[in-house]
Structure formats: structure tokens, C-alpha cells
Amino acid sequence: MIGWLRRSRDPRHKLGVWGEEQAIRHLRRNGCRILERNFQTPQGEIDLIAERKGEILFVEVKTRASDEYGAPDEAVGEDKQRRIREAARVYLGLFRQPPESTSFDIIGVKLAGKGKPEISWQRGAF
């Protein structure tokens, strides 16, 4: 296990960090460049901001060890979506020229057998 991951004492935090790493790998394998990780504003936080072919992707990552509490992507409610949109406005305000297009995506990461991830990527989820 990676050193910084081992230091966390909260198992949910460890799982969340692991899930973000899996999401980053998945995005990179699919031609994305990671621009920001855990972009924070007073309005809210965006887990990952990526770029793919000129499009900016605002990505919420949800990680679960099982489906006991529902699928990972079901955990992104209207309030969370609103906060992500507001944080995205702040991020886009940093550009002199805004990107051609944006997408609000959800990546669900579920711990599968032998520590391998099951990944679902909902493009344009909200």
C-alpha cells in the first residue's frame, strides 16, 4: 500500500483515497489529463477536474466497499450537485477564455474481489 494511504486511520478515508486513485487511472486510460484534485472553494469541492479533447470534466468520485448502502453513484444528490456546479463556476472563472464544453460526471468505484475495482463512469450525469 502507498505510504500516504497507510497513514490514514479512518477506513472510510482510506477507501475514498483508493477510489480516487482508481478513478484517476481510469480517466488517464481514457485519454484524460488530470488538471486538479480536490479543488476547494467556499461553495464546495470537486474531487477531480480533468481535460479531454478540449472538454473540461468535473468529476465526483464515490467509492463503496459493497452495495449495502446503494450504488456509489446514487450518493450524489441534488444538494451535492448544486455545490459542485457552484465550485465549477469558480474554477471556470479562472480562465481568460472558457472551454468549449464542460461535463459533470460521476465515477463510481466499488471494491470487487481481490482488491480490484469495478468502475462505472457516468458522463454528463447532471
C-alpha atoms as a PDB file:
ATOM      1  CA  MET A   1       0.000   0.000   0.000  1.00  0.00           C
ATOM      2  CA  ILE A   2       1.189   3.516  -0.753  1.00  0.00           C
ATOM      3  CA  GLY A   3       2.771   5.271   2.246  1.00  0.00           C
ATOM      4  CA  TRP A   4       0.398   8.254   2.436  1.00  0.00           C
ATOM      5  CA  LEU A   5      -2.550   5.887   2.160  1.00  0.00           C
ATOM      6  CA  ARG A   6      -1.298   3.768   5.028  1.00  0.00           C
ATOM      7  CA  ARG A   7      -1.127   6.783   7.393  1.00  0.00           C
ATOM      8  CA  SER A   8      -4.880   7.413   7.464  1.00  0.00           C
ATOM      9  CA  ARG A   9      -6.628   5.846  10.434  1.00  0.00           C
ATOM     10  CA  ASP A  10     -10.178   6.190   9.152  1.00  0.00           C
ATOM     11  CA  PRO A  11     -11.018   3.173   6.943  1.00  0.00           C
ATOM     12  CA  ARG A  12     -13.604   5.215   5.002  1.00  0.00           C
ATOM     13  CA  HIS A  13     -10.974   7.837   4.209  1.00  0.00           C
ATOM     14  CA  LYS A  14      -8.563   5.123   3.060  1.00  0.00           C
ATOM     15  CA  LEU A  15     -11.239   3.657   0.822  1.00  0.00           C
ATOM     16  CA  GLY A  16     -12.079   7.106  -0.586  1.00  0.00           C
ATOM     17  CA  VAL A  17      -8.442   7.902  -1.373  1.00  0.00           C
ATOM     18  CA  TRP A  18      -8.037   4.486  -3.007  1.00  0.00           C
ATOM     19  CA  GLY A  19     -11.175   5.136  -5.062  1.00  0.00           C
ATOM     20  CA  GLU A  20      -9.894   8.500  -6.267  1.00  0.00           C
ATOM     21  CA  GLU A  21      -6.636   6.868  -7.350  1.00  0.00           C
ATOM     22  CA  GLN A  22      -8.582   4.246  -9.294  1.00  0.00           C
ATOM     23  CA  ALA A  23     -10.701   6.974 -10.909  1.00  0.00           C
ATOM     24  CA  ILE A  24      -7.572   8.898 -11.929  1.00  0.00           C
ATOM     25  CA  ARG A  25      -6.106   5.774 -13.541  1.00  0.00           C
ATOM     26  CA  HIS A  26      -9.371   5.132 -15.356  1.00  0.00           C
ATOM     27  CA  LEU A  27      -9.566   8.705 -16.648  1.00  0.00           C
ATOM     28  CA  ARG A  28      -5.960   8.629 -17.849  1.00  0.00           C
ATOM     29  CA  ARG A  29      -6.526   5.312 -19.628  1.00  0.00           C
ATOM     30  CA  ASN A  30      -9.406   7.007 -21.415  1.00  0.00           C
ATOM     31  CA  GLY A  31      -7.356   9.925 -22.711  1.00  0.00           C
ATOM     32  CA  CYS A  32      -7.911  12.439 -19.919  1.00  0.00           C
ATOM     33  CA  ARG A  33      -5.383  14.772 -18.381  1.00  0.00           C
ATOM     34  CA  ILE A  34      -5.894  15.490 -14.668  1.00  0.00           C
ATOM     35  CA  LEU A  35      -5.910  19.239 -14.013  1.00  0.00           C
ATOM     36  CA  GLU A  36      -6.927  19.385 -10.352  1.00  0.00           C
ATOM     37  CA  ARG A  37      -7.579  17.063  -7.473  1.00  0.00           C
ATOM     38  CA  ASN A  38      -9.831  18.070  -4.541  1.00  0.00           C
ATOM     39  CA  PHE A  39     -10.403  21.606  -5.851  1.00  0.00           C
ATOM     40  CA  GLN A  40     -11.892  23.510  -2.912  1.00  0.00           C
ATOM     41  CA  THR A  41     -13.934  26.683  -2.847  1.00  0.00           C
ATOM     42  CA  PRO A  42     -16.222  28.177  -0.208  1.00  0.00           C
ATOM     43  CA  GLN A  43     -19.088  26.900  -2.373  1.00  0.00           C
ATOM     44  CA  GLY A  44     -17.925  23.273  -2.398  1.00  0.00           C
ATOM     45  CA  GLU A  45     -15.310  20.786  -3.508  1.00  0.00           C
ATOM     46  CA  ILE A  46     -14.752  18.996  -6.797  1.00  0.00           C
ATOM     47  CA  ASP A  47     -12.962  15.662  -6.451  1.00  0.00           C
ATOM     48  CA  LEU A  48     -11.303  15.699  -9.872  1.00  0.00           C
ATOM     49  CA  ILE A  49     -11.100  18.144 -12.738  1.00  0.00           C
ATOM     50  CA  ALA A  50      -9.846  16.682 -15.983  1.00  0.00           C
ATOM     51  CA  GLU A  51      -9.491  17.702 -19.610  1.00  0.00           C
ATOM     52  CA  ARG A  52     -10.224  15.536 -22.620  1.00  0.00           C
ATOM     53  CA  LYS A  53     -10.095  16.846 -26.194  1.00  0.00           C
ATOM     54  CA  GLY A  54     -10.755  20.415 -25.066  1.00  0.00           C
ATOM     55  CA  GLU A  55     -13.655  19.489 -22.781  1.00  0.00           C
ATOM     56  CA  ILE A  56     -13.399  20.146 -19.037  1.00  0.00           C
ATOM     57  CA  LEU A  57     -14.741  17.319 -16.881  1.00  0.00           C
ATOM     58  CA  PHE A  58     -15.872  17.970 -13.325  1.00  0.00           C
ATOM     59  CA  VAL A  59     -15.832  14.563 -11.674  1.00  0.00           C
ATOM     60  CA  GLU A  60     -17.396  13.440  -8.412  1.00  0.00           C
ATOM     61  CA  VAL A  61     -15.911  10.146  -7.216  1.00  0.00           C
ATOM     62  CA  LYS A  62     -17.915   7.841  -4.962  1.00  0.00           C
ATOM     63  CA  THR A  63     -16.338   4.701  -3.586  1.00  0.00           C
ATOM     64  CA  ARG A  64     -18.058   1.802  -1.881  1.00  0.00           C
ATOM     65  CA  ALA A  65     -16.889  -1.484  -0.433  1.00  0.00           C
ATOM     66  CA  SER A  66     -20.270  -3.056  -1.284  1.00  0.00           C
ATOM     67  CA  ASP A  67     -23.775  -2.230  -2.486  1.00  0.00           C
ATOM     68  CA  GLU A  68     -25.110  -2.401   1.074  1.00  0.00           C
ATOM     69  CA  TYR A  69     -25.860   1.353   1.048  1.00  0.00           C
ATOM     70  CA  GLY A  70     -26.669   1.533  -2.664  1.00  0.00           C
ATOM     71  CA  ALA A  71     -24.556   2.006  -5.736  1.00  0.00           C
ATOM     72  CA  PRO A  72     -21.781   4.611  -5.449  1.00  0.00           C
ATOM     73  CA  ASP A  73     -23.298   6.998  -7.978  1.00  0.00           C
ATOM     74  CA  GLU A  74     -26.639   7.052  -6.138  1.00  0.00           C
ATOM     75  CA  ALA A  75     -24.966   9.050  -3.355  1.00  0.00           C
ATOM     76  CA  VAL A  76     -24.738  12.269  -5.401  1.00  0.00           C
ATOM     77  CA  GLY A  77     -27.931  14.113  -4.519  1.00  0.00           C
ATOM     78  CA  GLU A  78     -29.273  17.454  -5.681  1.00  0.00           C
ATOM     79  CA  ASP A  79     -27.520  19.438  -2.935  1.00  0.00           C
ATOM     80  CA  LYS A  80     -24.144  17.900  -3.793  1.00  0.00           C
ATOM     81  CA  GLN A  81     -24.740  18.535  -7.494  1.00  0.00           C
ATOM     82  CA  ARG A  82     -25.559  22.199  -6.778  1.00  0.00           C
ATOM     83  CA  ARG A  83     -22.370  22.649  -4.726  1.00  0.00           C
ATOM     84  CA  ILE A  84     -20.261  21.040  -7.481  1.00  0.00           C
ATOM     85  CA  ARG A  85     -21.814  23.341 -10.107  1.00  0.00           C
ATOM     86  CA  GLU A  86     -21.074  26.395  -7.955  1.00  0.00           C
ATOM     87  CA  ALA A  87     -17.459  25.285  -7.444  1.00  0.00           C
ATOM     88  CA  ALA A  88     -17.188  24.676 -11.201  1.00  0.00           C
ATOM     89  CA  ARG A  89     -18.283  28.281 -11.854  1.00  0.00           C
ATOM     90  CA  VAL A  90     -15.437  29.452  -9.626  1.00  0.00           C
ATOM     91  CA  TYR A  91     -12.967  27.227 -11.491  1.00  0.00           C
ATOM     92  CA  LEU A  92     -14.183  28.369 -14.906  1.00  0.00           C
ATOM     93  CA  GLY A  93     -13.859  31.978 -13.733  1.00  0.00           C
ATOM     94  CA  LEU A  94     -10.092  31.435 -13.647  1.00  0.00           C
ATOM     95  CA  PHE A  95      -9.954  31.089 -17.455  1.00  0.00           C
ATOM     96  CA  ARG A  96      -9.437  34.020 -19.791  1.00  0.00           C
ATOM     97  CA  GLN A  97     -11.315  32.083 -22.423  1.00  0.00           C
ATOM     98  CA  PRO A  98     -13.764  29.467 -21.169  1.00  0.00           C
ATOM     99  CA  PRO A  99     -13.501  25.946 -22.590  1.00  0.00           C
ATOM    100  CA  GLU A 100     -15.727  24.912 -25.482  1.00  0.00           C
ATOM    101  CA  SER A 101     -17.631  22.412 -23.380  1.00  0.00           C
ATOM    102  CA  THR A 102     -17.899  21.012 -19.894  1.00  0.00           C
ATOM    103  CA  SER A 103     -19.315  17.850 -18.395  1.00  0.00           C
ATOM    104  CA  PHE A 104     -20.407  16.932 -14.879  1.00  0.00           C
ATOM    105  CA  ASP A 105     -19.545  13.272 -14.408  1.00  0.00           C
ATOM    106  CA  ILE A 106     -19.746  10.687 -11.663  1.00  0.00           C
ATOM    107  CA  ILE A 107     -17.264   7.866 -11.317  1.00  0.00           C
ATOM    108  CA  GLY A 108     -18.424   5.073  -9.069  1.00  0.00           C
ATOM    109  CA  VAL A 109     -15.729   2.784  -7.714  1.00  0.00           C
ATOM    110  CA  LYS A 110     -16.683  -0.429  -5.997  1.00  0.00           C
ATOM    111  CA  LEU A 111     -14.228  -2.739  -4.304  1.00  0.00           C
ATOM    112  CA  ALA A 112     -14.503  -6.055  -6.113  1.00  0.00           C
ATOM    113  CA  GLY A 113     -12.807  -9.377  -5.446  1.00  0.00           C
ATOM    114  CA  LYS A 114      -9.070  -9.434  -4.699  1.00  0.00           C
ATOM    115  CA  GLY A 115      -8.905  -5.648  -4.294  1.00  0.00           C
ATOM    116  CA  LYS A 116      -9.680  -4.919  -7.927  1.00  0.00           C
ATOM    117  CA  PRO A 117     -12.020  -2.019  -8.651  1.00  0.00           C
ATOM    118  CA  GLU A 118     -15.311  -2.135 -10.502  1.00  0.00           C
ATOM    119  CA  ILE A 119     -15.599   1.255 -12.168  1.00  0.00           C
ATOM    120  CA  SER A 120     -18.627   2.961 -13.679  1.00  0.00           C
ATOM    121  CA  TRP A 121     -18.312   6.325 -15.395  1.00  0.00           C
ATOM    122  CA  GLN A 122     -21.467   8.340 -15.942  1.00  0.00           C
ATOM    123  CA  ARG A 123     -20.689  11.061 -18.462  1.00  0.00           C
ATOM    124  CA  GLY A 124     -22.940  14.100 -18.217  1.00  0.00           C
ATOM    125  CA  ALA A 125     -24.572  12.702 -15.077  1.00  0.00           C
ATOM    126  CA  PHE A 126     -26.040  16.074 -14.061  1.00  0.00           C
END
